[in-house]
Amino acid sequence: MRGTVLYGPRDVRFEERPDPTIIEPTDAIIRIAATCVCGSDLWPYRGIAPITQPQAMGHEYCGIVEEVGSAVKHITPSQFVVGSFATSDNTCPTCQFGYQSSCVQREFMGGAQAPLLRMPLADGTLVTTPGIPADDLIPSLLTTSDVLGTGWFAADAANVKPGSTIVVVGDGAVGLLGVLSAKQMGTERIIAMSRHEPRQQLAREFGATDIVTERGDEGIVRIMDLTDGVGADSVLECVGTQEAMMQAIRATRKGGYVSYVGVPHEVELNGEELFFAHVHLHGGPAPVRRYLPELIDLVWNRTINPGKVFDLTLPLDRVAEGYRAMDERRAIKVLLCP
């Protein structure tokens, strides 16, 4: 088969790779129905997160099971499945606490930007859909694999609840789906920080009530103006930069909550400032597996349509074009179809 491999900064190739096979008895092989480019893929693509050797790309996936190992008991061939970007046995103590993305057997997925994918720990990682989905549901089901699950965790970790005022820092797919998640959780006021009109429009469609275009200190001042000088009850940091993290903490009211789900790059917190900020901090790699059954159900019943974050669809063999489009912010998120 042919799959996506990153060789270095802005050097994406779609080239021959070995077909995946069952290696461990807990494995499954999935034929990919859809995959995509993630914002976190742009860190190594831009050279910010260096790689030392060619790297198979892609960690968001859904599709049909083709084969399972001898120890797989709950997943069977011909089922349509969605799984997290982090594998989990779903039985260890950490998984039982609901943090499957820190499972003692965790592997971070790669190689999903290809027609076939080897899935370790299939029983613990994969969740089946009620049947074979209609084609128009597949993009939304794909979002549950990462960006919707991550946006949902961002809202959950920030203690979003009915009646609260929240701020979302970041207008990528995760930030936009953080808006959608907060709306589903019943919050009444959602302030989205965005300087890009198409993303602002989608944020409003997902439930944003206010848009703030300013960044940094100016953005914090604007949030304070909108909250009568108090700050937001909950702030979702969905970027992973120093500016975004400090903007989130400083826009939060005393006793409020900050979640951080953007993969951090050169983020450092000053202990004294954090001490006097008086905020709750919670984040990390989203435990997507915890939320998958609920999110699949919301998508399956057409309660939500998170697939709207895909504003460019390309065949898989044009994956390099997809990376360029996201790198240049010409696309929010690129859907890839084998």
Protein backbone atom coordinates (compact mmCIF):
# COMPACT_ATOMS: atom_id res chain seq x y z
CA MET A 1 0.00 0.00 0.00
CA ARG A 2 0.96 3.67 -0.16
CA GLY A 3 0.97 5.84 2.95
CA THR A 4 2.04 9.24 4.24
CA VAL A 5 5.59 9.68 5.51
CA LEU A 6 7.17 12.87 6.83
CA TYR A 7 10.89 13.09 6.08
CA GLY A 8 11.59 16.54 7.46
CA PRO A 9 10.22 20.09 7.54
CA ARG A 10 7.60 20.46 4.79
CA ASP A 11 8.72 17.21 3.17
CA VAL A 12 5.60 15.03 3.06
CA ARG A 13 5.59 12.04 0.72
CA PHE A 14 2.90 9.54 -0.19
CA GLU A 15 4.91 6.43 -0.91
CA GLU A 16 4.99 2.65 -0.79
CA ARG A 17 4.89 1.17 2.67
CA PRO A 18 4.42 -2.42 3.86
CA ASP A 19 0.84 -3.52 4.44
CA PRO A 20 0.20 -3.74 8.18
CA THR A 21 -0.12 -7.21 9.70
CA ILE A 22 -1.18 -8.69 13.01
CA ILE A 23 1.87 -8.62 15.27
CA GLU A 24 0.38 -9.05 18.74
CA PRO A 25 -2.68 -11.22 19.45
CA THR A 26 -4.44 -8.07 20.76
CA ASP A 27 -4.10 -6.29 17.37
CA ALA A 28 -6.69 -5.56 14.70
CA ILE A 29 -6.33 -4.35 11.12
CA ILE A 30 -8.66 -1.56 10.00
CA ARG A 31 -9.47 -0.46 6.48
CA ILE A 32 -9.64 3.30 6.77
CA ALA A 33 -12.91 4.97 5.72
CA ALA A 34 -11.54 8.46 6.38
CA THR A 35 -8.56 10.11 7.99
CA CYS A 36 -7.28 13.68 8.19
CA VAL A 37 -4.49 16.10 8.95
CA CYS A 38 -4.30 17.25 12.57
CA GLY A 39 -3.11 20.60 13.82
CA SER A 40 -0.56 18.74 15.94
CA ASP A 41 0.87 17.23 12.72
CA LEU A 42 1.99 20.74 11.83
CA TRP A 43 4.52 20.89 14.68
CA PRO A 44 6.88 18.35 13.05
CA TYR A 45 5.84 19.52 9.56
CA ARG A 46 7.11 23.01 10.41
CA GLY A 47 10.25 21.63 12.07
CA ILE A 48 9.22 22.92 15.52
CA ALA A 49 9.06 19.34 16.83
CA PRO A 50 12.11 17.77 15.16
CA ILE A 51 12.10 14.21 13.87
CA THR A 52 15.22 12.05 13.56
CA GLN A 53 13.97 9.61 10.94
CA PRO A 54 11.12 9.28 8.42
CA GLN A 55 7.84 9.15 10.32
CA ALA A 56 4.55 7.53 9.26
CA MET A 57 1.86 10.15 9.80
CA GLY A 58 -1.74 10.19 10.94
CA HIS A 59 -3.48 9.40 14.22
CA GLU A 60 -7.17 10.07 13.51
CA TYR A 61 -9.14 7.26 11.97
CA CYS A 62 -12.38 5.38 11.53
CA GLY A 63 -13.15 2.42 9.34
CA ILE A 64 -14.07 -1.23 9.00
CA VAL A 65 -12.28 -4.03 10.81
CA GLU A 66 -10.68 -6.47 8.38
CA GLU A 67 -8.83 -8.83 10.72
CA VAL A 68 -8.32 -9.38 14.44
CA GLY A 69 -5.72 -11.18 16.53
CA SER A 70 -6.44 -14.35 18.47
CA ALA A 71 -6.84 -12.53 21.80
CA VAL A 72 -9.37 -9.95 20.54
CA LYS A 73 -12.78 -10.81 21.99
CA HIS A 74 -15.07 -7.81 21.56
CA ILE A 75 -14.13 -6.43 18.12
CA THR A 76 -14.95 -8.53 15.07
CA PRO A 77 -14.34 -8.23 11.33
CA SER A 78 -16.86 -6.15 9.34
CA GLN A 79 -17.66 -3.83 12.25
CA PHE A 80 -17.29 -0.08 11.80
CA VAL A 81 -15.08 1.34 14.55
CA VAL A 82 -13.59 4.56 15.87
CA GLY A 83 -10.59 4.72 18.17
CA SER A 84 -8.47 7.21 20.04
CA PHE A 85 -5.10 8.64 19.03
CA ALA A 86 -3.73 6.87 22.14
CA THR A 87 -4.19 3.13 22.63
CA SER A 88 -5.42 1.75 25.93
CA ASP A 89 -6.23 -1.60 27.47
CA ASN A 90 -9.19 0.12 29.22
CA THR A 91 -8.68 -2.11 32.26
CA CYS A 92 -5.61 -0.78 34.13
CA PRO A 93 -6.15 1.48 37.17
CA THR A 94 -5.38 4.62 35.16
CA CYS A 95 -7.96 3.66 32.55
CA GLN A 96 -10.50 2.93 35.27
CA PHE A 97 -9.95 6.45 36.61
CA GLY A 98 -10.92 7.69 33.12
CA TYR A 99 -7.47 8.66 31.84
CA GLN A 100 -7.01 6.09 29.09
CA SER A 101 -4.56 8.37 27.28
CA SER A 102 -2.12 7.59 30.12
CA CYS A 103 -2.79 3.85 30.11
CA VAL A 104 0.16 1.79 31.34
CA GLN A 105 0.20 0.12 27.90
CA ARG A 106 -0.37 3.32 25.92
CA GLU A 107 1.04 3.82 22.46
CA PHE A 108 0.50 7.03 20.52
CA MET A 109 -0.90 6.12 17.13
CA GLY A 110 0.79 6.82 13.82
CA GLY A 111 0.38 5.70 10.24
CA ALA A 112 -3.35 6.37 9.90
CA GLN A 113 -2.93 8.49 6.75
CA ALA A 114 -2.98 5.31 4.70
CA PRO A 115 -5.58 2.80 3.45
CA LEU A 116 -4.85 0.24 6.21
CA LEU A 117 -3.93 0.60 9.88
CA ARG A 118 -2.64 -1.79 12.51
CA MET A 119 -4.53 -1.15 15.74
CA PRO A 120 -2.83 -2.31 18.97
CA LEU A 121 -4.99 -3.11 22.02
CA ALA A 122 -8.06 -3.29 19.81
CA ASP A 123 -10.51 -4.39 22.50
CA GLY A 124 -9.61 -1.51 24.80
CA THR A 125 -9.13 1.24 22.23
CA LEU A 126 -11.85 0.75 19.62
CA VAL A 127 -15.55 1.52 19.94
CA THR A 128 -18.08 0.18 17.47
CA THR A 129 -20.86 2.19 15.90
CA PRO A 130 -24.45 0.86 15.90
CA GLY A 131 -24.06 -0.18 12.26
CA ILE A 132 -22.35 0.87 9.05
CA PRO A 133 -22.76 4.66 8.96
CA ALA A 134 -24.20 6.70 6.14
CA ASP A 135 -21.47 8.42 4.14
CA ASP A 136 -22.41 11.85 5.43
CA LEU A 137 -21.84 10.76 9.04
CA ILE A 138 -18.27 9.60 8.48
CA PRO A 139 -16.60 13.04 8.80
CA SER A 140 -18.33 13.67 12.12
CA LEU A 141 -17.49 10.19 13.39
CA LEU A 142 -13.87 10.84 12.45
CA THR A 143 -13.77 13.94 14.66
CA THR A 144 -14.61 11.82 17.70
CA SER A 145 -11.24 10.09 17.26
CA ASP A 146 -9.38 13.21 18.36
CA VAL A 147 -10.51 16.79 17.84
CA LEU A 148 -14.05 16.44 19.18
CA GLY A 149 -12.87 14.20 22.01
CA THR A 150 -10.16 16.72 22.81
CA GLY A 151 -12.55 19.68 22.65
CA TRP A 152 -14.96 17.78 24.90
CA PHE A 153 -12.19 17.05 27.41
CA ALA A 154 -11.20 20.72 27.32
CA ALA A 155 -14.73 21.71 28.32
CA ASP A 156 -15.00 18.96 30.92
CA ALA A 157 -11.59 19.70 32.47
CA ALA A 158 -12.49 23.41 32.68
CA ASN A 159 -15.63 22.61 34.69
CA VAL A 160 -17.96 23.99 32.05
CA LYS A 161 -21.54 23.90 33.27
CA PRO A 162 -24.91 25.60 32.70
CA GLY A 163 -24.89 29.28 33.47
CA SER A 164 -21.14 29.75 33.26
CA THR A 165 -19.19 32.16 31.08
CA ILE A 166 -16.40 30.50 29.14
CA VAL A 167 -13.60 31.61 26.85
CA VAL A 168 -12.03 29.47 24.14
CA VAL A 169 -8.44 30.36 23.19
CA GLY A 170 -7.69 28.96 19.73
CA ASP A 171 -9.83 28.79 16.61
CA GLY A 172 -8.50 25.56 15.11
CA ALA A 173 -10.61 22.42 14.97
CA VAL A 174 -10.12 21.66 18.68
CA GLY A 175 -11.03 25.17 19.77
CA LEU A 176 -14.10 25.25 17.54
CA LEU A 177 -15.23 21.87 18.87
CA GLY A 178 -14.54 23.12 22.38
CA VAL A 179 -17.19 25.73 21.60
CA LEU A 180 -19.57 23.01 20.38
CA SER A 181 -18.84 20.90 23.47
CA ALA A 182 -19.48 23.75 25.88
CA LYS A 183 -22.76 24.47 24.13
CA GLN A 184 -23.80 20.84 24.53
CA MET A 185 -22.93 21.05 28.23
CA GLY A 186 -25.38 23.90 28.62
CA THR A 187 -23.21 26.97 29.11
CA GLU A 188 -24.91 30.22 28.22
CA ARG A 189 -22.09 32.53 27.25
CA ILE A 190 -19.22 31.36 25.04
CA ILE A 191 -16.52 33.84 24.02
CA ALA A 192 -14.42 32.60 21.12
CA MET A 193 -11.07 34.23 20.43
CA SER A 194 -10.49 34.34 16.67
CA ARG A 195 -9.16 36.72 14.03
CA HIS A 196 -10.34 34.71 11.03
CA GLU A 197 -13.82 35.36 9.67
CA PRO A 198 -14.65 31.83 8.40
CA ARG A 199 -13.65 30.40 11.76
CA GLN A 200 -15.65 33.08 13.56
CA GLN A 201 -18.71 32.11 11.54
CA LEU A 202 -18.32 28.43 12.40
CA ALA A 203 -17.74 29.28 16.06
CA ARG A 204 -21.04 31.16 16.09
CA GLU A 205 -22.77 28.26 14.37
CA PHE A 206 -21.42 25.94 17.07
CA GLY A 207 -22.70 28.22 19.85
CA ALA A 208 -20.33 31.15 20.42
CA THR A 209 -22.13 34.26 21.66
CA ASP A 210 -19.17 36.67 21.46
CA ILE A 211 -16.05 36.95 19.30
CA VAL A 212 -12.83 38.56 20.50
CA THR A 213 -10.30 39.34 17.79
CA GLU A 214 -7.54 40.73 20.03
CA ARG A 215 -4.67 38.59 21.29
CA GLY A 216 -2.27 38.69 24.24
CA ASP A 217 -2.67 41.56 26.70
CA GLU A 218 -5.22 43.28 24.45
CA GLY A 219 -7.27 40.09 24.37
CA ILE A 220 -7.18 39.84 28.17
CA VAL A 221 -8.36 43.44 28.50
CA ARG A 222 -11.23 42.70 26.12
CA ILE A 223 -12.27 39.62 28.11
CA MET A 224 -12.23 41.65 31.30
CA ASP A 225 -14.39 44.31 29.62
CA LEU A 226 -16.90 41.63 28.60
CA THR A 227 -17.03 40.14 32.10
CA ASP A 228 -17.26 43.40 34.10
CA GLY A 229 -13.68 43.06 35.25
CA VAL A 230 -14.19 39.63 36.81
CA GLY A 231 -12.86 37.22 34.19
CA ALA A 232 -14.33 34.03 32.80
CA ASP A 233 -15.50 31.08 34.89
CA SER A 234 -13.75 28.65 32.53
CA VAL A 235 -11.09 29.10 29.85
CA LEU A 236 -10.16 26.42 27.33
CA GLU A 237 -6.57 26.72 26.05
CA CYS A 238 -6.51 24.89 22.72
CA VAL A 239 -3.24 26.05 21.17
CA GLY A 240 -0.16 25.04 23.15
CA THR A 241 1.94 28.22 23.03
CA GLN A 242 3.23 30.43 25.85
CA GLU A 243 1.05 33.33 24.73
CA ALA A 244 -2.09 31.20 24.64
CA MET A 245 -1.46 29.67 28.08
CA MET A 246 -0.81 33.02 29.76
CA GLN A 247 -3.77 34.57 27.97
CA ALA A 248 -5.95 31.76 29.32
CA ILE A 249 -4.75 32.04 32.92
CA ARG A 250 -4.97 35.83 33.02
CA ALA A 251 -8.49 35.87 31.51
CA THR A 252 -9.85 33.55 34.22
CA ARG A 253 -11.61 34.79 37.33
CA LYS A 254 -10.26 34.01 40.78
CA GLY A 255 -11.28 30.46 41.59
CA GLY A 256 -12.02 29.74 37.95
CA TYR A 257 -10.84 26.87 35.78
CA VAL A 258 -8.30 26.62 32.97
CA SER A 259 -7.97 23.54 30.79
CA TYR A 260 -5.04 23.06 28.45
CA VAL A 261 -5.21 20.55 25.63
CA GLY A 262 -2.94 22.07 22.99
CA VAL A 263 0.34 20.14 22.76
CA PRO A 264 2.70 22.53 24.61
CA HIS A 265 5.78 23.96 22.95
CA GLU A 266 8.14 26.06 25.06
CA VAL A 267 5.42 26.77 27.63
CA GLU A 268 6.78 27.76 31.05
CA LEU A 269 4.77 28.91 34.06
CA ASN A 270 6.06 31.28 36.71
CA GLY A 271 5.34 29.78 40.12
CA GLU A 272 4.67 33.08 41.86
CA GLU A 273 2.28 34.33 39.18
CA LEU A 274 0.46 31.00 39.16
CA PHE A 275 0.24 31.10 42.97
CA PHE A 276 -1.52 34.45 42.95
CA ALA A 277 -3.66 33.69 39.89
CA HIS A 278 -5.80 31.46 42.11
CA VAL A 279 -7.06 29.28 39.26
CA HIS A 280 -7.56 25.55 38.80
CA LEU A 281 -5.41 24.01 36.04
CA HIS A 282 -6.19 20.68 34.41
CA GLY A 283 -5.24 19.25 31.03
CA GLY A 284 -3.00 16.92 29.07
CA PRO A 285 -3.54 14.39 26.30
CA ALA A 286 -7.30 14.04 26.05
CA PRO A 287 -8.68 10.71 27.33
CA VAL A 288 -10.77 10.38 24.18
CA ARG A 289 -11.67 6.76 24.90
CA ARG A 290 -13.61 7.89 27.99
CA TYR A 291 -15.94 9.98 25.86
CA LEU A 292 -16.20 7.93 22.67
CA PRO A 293 -19.48 6.09 23.41
CA GLU A 294 -21.29 9.34 24.27
CA LEU A 295 -19.83 11.27 21.35
CA ILE A 296 -20.55 8.53 18.83
CA ASP A 297 -24.14 8.48 20.08
CA LEU A 298 -24.50 12.26 19.66
CA VAL A 299 -23.17 12.02 16.11
CA TRP A 300 -25.14 8.89 15.20
CA ASN A 301 -28.40 10.51 16.31
CA ARG A 302 -27.46 13.70 14.42
CA THR A 303 -27.64 15.80 17.56
CA ILE A 304 -24.35 17.43 16.60
CA ASN A 305 -22.47 17.86 13.33
CA PRO A 306 -18.80 18.37 14.25
CA GLY A 307 -17.72 17.28 10.77
CA LYS A 308 -18.28 20.88 9.67
CA VAL A 309 -14.70 21.61 10.80
CA PHE A 310 -13.56 19.87 7.60
CA ASP A 311 -13.52 22.64 5.02
CA LEU A 312 -11.26 20.90 2.51
CA THR A 313 -11.54 17.30 1.28
CA LEU A 314 -8.76 15.66 -0.72
CA PRO A 315 -7.92 12.17 -1.93
CA LEU A 316 -5.27 10.56 0.22
CA ASP A 317 -2.63 10.73 -2.50
CA ARG A 318 -2.82 14.55 -2.35
CA VAL A 319 -2.01 14.61 1.35
CA ALA A 320 0.95 16.97 0.87
CA GLU A 321 -1.46 19.57 -0.49
CA GLY A 322 -3.55 19.14 2.64
CA TYR A 323 -0.58 19.84 4.88
CA ARG A 324 0.22 22.99 2.90
CA ALA A 325 -3.36 24.23 3.13
CA MET A 326 -3.43 23.86 6.91
CA ASP A 327 0.06 25.27 7.35
CA GLU A 328 -0.98 28.38 5.39
CA ARG A 329 -4.30 28.56 7.27
CA ARG A 330 -6.25 28.16 4.05
CA ALA A 331 -8.11 25.28 5.70
CA ILE A 332 -9.32 24.65 9.24
CA LYS A 333 -8.99 20.88 8.87
CA VAL A 334 -8.39 18.63 5.88
CA LEU A 335 -10.36 15.41 5.37
CA LEU A 336 -8.51 12.67 3.49
CA CYS A 337 -10.37 9.92 1.67
CA PRO A 338 -8.53 6.72 0.63
